[in-house]
Amino acid sequence: QVQLVESGGGLVQAGGSLRLSCAASGRDFTTYAMGWFRQAPGKEREFVTAISWTPGNTYYADSVKGRFTISKDKAKNTVYLQMNNLKPEDTAVYYCAADVHGGTWPKYGSWSQYDYWGQGTQVAVSS
């Protein structure tokens, strides 16, 4: 069993920044990739970004390219999401997810690729 704990959400004005963290813990697992998805009220969960654990390739949704950056700390089994120039349309619950069985892009863009999910953290951007 793998537990994912997210932190760092909050309320910010448009143009501001937030940094989300997601720490994975458990026994006897190998992380192949981690991703971030988000879900706004009344909308489906959508892919935001993902990073492969080795060699660290990154993937982004077009809507966040150039504004969001995903990074990882392998020693801490933690992934980060730096969000800059936030817009009201970024408002959503953000979920991190872990792939522990192995996969490749473009499968990382699908929620079904991931085996474990965090509880979600709210990000609200005011105009």
Protein backbone atom coordinates (compact mmCIF):
# COMPACT_ATOMS: atom_id res chain seq x y z
CA GLN A 1 0.00 0.00 0.00
CA VAL A 2 1.23 3.47 -0.88
CA GLN A 3 0.10 6.67 0.80
CA LEU A 4 0.27 10.03 -0.91
CA VAL A 5 0.05 13.17 1.19
CA GLU A 6 -0.39 16.53 -0.52
CA SER A 7 0.17 19.98 0.87
CA GLY A 8 0.51 23.56 -0.26
CA GLY A 9 -2.91 24.52 -1.59
CA GLY A 10 -4.63 27.76 -0.73
CA LEU A 11 -6.14 30.99 -1.95
CA VAL A 12 -4.13 33.33 -4.14
CA GLN A 13 -4.82 36.30 -6.38
CA ALA A 14 -4.51 36.03 -10.14
CA GLY A 15 -0.88 36.32 -11.16
CA GLY A 16 0.31 34.82 -7.91
CA SER A 17 2.15 31.59 -7.20
CA LEU A 18 1.70 28.45 -5.17
CA ARG A 19 3.82 25.36 -4.64
CA LEU A 20 2.23 21.99 -4.05
CA SER A 21 4.02 19.00 -2.57
CA CYS A 22 3.16 15.33 -2.61
CA ALA A 23 5.07 12.81 -0.52
CA ALA A 24 4.76 9.08 -1.18
CA SER A 25 5.30 6.52 1.57
CA GLY A 26 4.79 2.82 2.04
CA ARG A 27 6.64 -0.44 1.83
CA ASP A 28 8.18 -2.27 -1.08
CA PHE A 29 7.15 -0.15 -3.98
CA THR A 30 8.89 1.39 -6.97
CA THR A 31 7.77 4.72 -8.34
CA TYR A 32 7.79 4.91 -12.13
CA ALA A 33 6.04 8.22 -12.50
CA MET A 34 4.00 10.73 -10.59
CA GLY A 35 1.44 13.10 -11.92
CA TRP A 36 -0.89 15.92 -10.98
CA PHE A 37 -4.50 16.10 -12.02
CA ARG A 38 -7.14 18.65 -11.13
CA GLN A 39 -10.90 18.77 -10.92
CA ALA A 40 -12.98 21.91 -10.95
CA PRO A 41 -16.60 21.94 -9.78
CA GLY A 42 -18.88 20.37 -12.36
CA LYS A 43 -15.99 19.28 -14.55
CA GLU A 44 -14.13 16.04 -15.14
CA ARG A 45 -10.73 15.37 -13.65
CA GLU A 46 -8.09 16.57 -16.08
CA PHE A 47 -4.39 15.96 -16.55
CA VAL A 48 -2.05 18.76 -15.51
CA THR A 49 1.49 17.38 -15.56
CA ALA A 50 3.57 14.27 -14.98
CA ILE A 51 7.18 13.30 -14.43
CA SER A 52 8.87 9.97 -15.00
CA TRP A 53 11.06 8.89 -12.10
CA THR A 54 13.85 7.82 -14.42
CA PRO A 55 15.08 9.70 -16.40
CA GLY A 56 12.88 12.53 -15.21
CA ASN A 57 11.03 13.43 -18.39
CA THR A 58 8.24 15.93 -17.87
CA TYR A 59 4.90 16.36 -19.59
CA TYR A 60 2.41 19.22 -19.40
CA ALA A 61 -1.10 20.03 -20.46
CA ASP A 62 -1.14 22.88 -22.96
CA SER A 63 -3.12 25.02 -20.54
CA VAL A 64 -0.27 25.12 -18.01
CA LYS A 65 2.84 25.03 -20.21
CA GLY A 66 5.21 27.85 -19.36
CA ARG A 67 3.47 28.55 -16.04
CA PHE A 68 3.69 25.30 -14.08
CA THR A 69 6.80 23.26 -13.33
CA ILE A 70 6.88 19.72 -11.97
CA SER A 71 9.97 18.44 -10.18
CA LYS A 72 10.93 15.55 -7.94
CA ASP A 73 13.16 14.59 -5.08
CA LYS A 74 13.81 10.88 -5.49
CA ALA A 75 15.46 10.54 -2.09
CA LYS A 76 12.32 11.88 -0.42
CA ASN A 77 9.91 10.19 -2.87
CA THR A 78 8.30 13.59 -3.24
CA VAL A 79 7.01 15.48 -6.23
CA TYR A 80 6.46 19.23 -6.38
CA LEU A 81 4.28 21.44 -8.52
CA GLN A 82 5.37 25.06 -8.82
CA MET A 83 2.49 27.11 -10.17
CA ASN A 84 3.22 30.64 -11.38
CA ASN A 85 1.05 33.27 -13.01
CA LEU A 86 -2.05 31.57 -11.71
CA LYS A 87 -5.36 32.29 -13.39
CA PRO A 88 -8.93 31.98 -12.07
CA GLU A 89 -9.44 29.01 -14.41
CA ASP A 90 -6.74 27.14 -12.47
CA THR A 91 -9.12 26.95 -9.52
CA ALA A 92 -9.69 23.28 -8.71
CA VAL A 93 -8.88 20.47 -6.34
CA TYR A 94 -5.43 19.21 -7.26
CA TYR A 95 -4.62 15.53 -6.86
CA CYS A 96 -1.26 13.84 -7.07
CA ALA A 97 -0.99 10.28 -8.29
CA ALA A 98 1.65 7.57 -8.42
CA ASP A 99 2.32 4.94 -11.06
CA VAL A 100 3.99 1.95 -9.42
CA HIS A 101 3.55 -0.64 -12.16
CA GLY A 102 5.34 1.09 -15.03
CA GLY A 103 4.18 3.05 -18.03
CA THR A 104 5.15 5.56 -20.68
CA TRP A 105 3.87 8.76 -22.21
CA PRO A 106 1.18 9.34 -23.42
CA LYS A 107 -0.34 6.95 -20.88
CA TYR A 108 0.82 9.29 -18.10
CA GLY A 109 -1.82 11.71 -19.31
CA SER A 110 -4.62 9.30 -18.37
CA TRP A 111 -5.89 8.94 -14.82
CA SER A 112 -6.21 5.18 -15.38
CA GLN A 113 -2.41 4.84 -15.57
CA TYR A 114 -2.02 5.63 -11.88
CA ASP A 115 -2.34 3.22 -8.99
CA TYR A 116 -2.53 5.51 -5.98
CA TRP A 117 -4.01 8.94 -5.35
CA GLY A 118 -3.70 11.64 -2.76
CA GLN A 119 -6.64 13.14 -0.94
CA GLY A 120 -6.52 16.36 -2.95
CA THR A 121 -5.67 19.93 -2.06
CA GLN A 122 -7.77 22.97 -2.92
CA VAL A 123 -6.33 25.74 -5.06
CA ALA A 124 -8.44 28.87 -5.44
CA VAL A 125 -7.42 31.79 -7.62
CA SER A 126 -9.32 35.05 -7.29
CA SER A 127 -9.57 37.59 -10.09
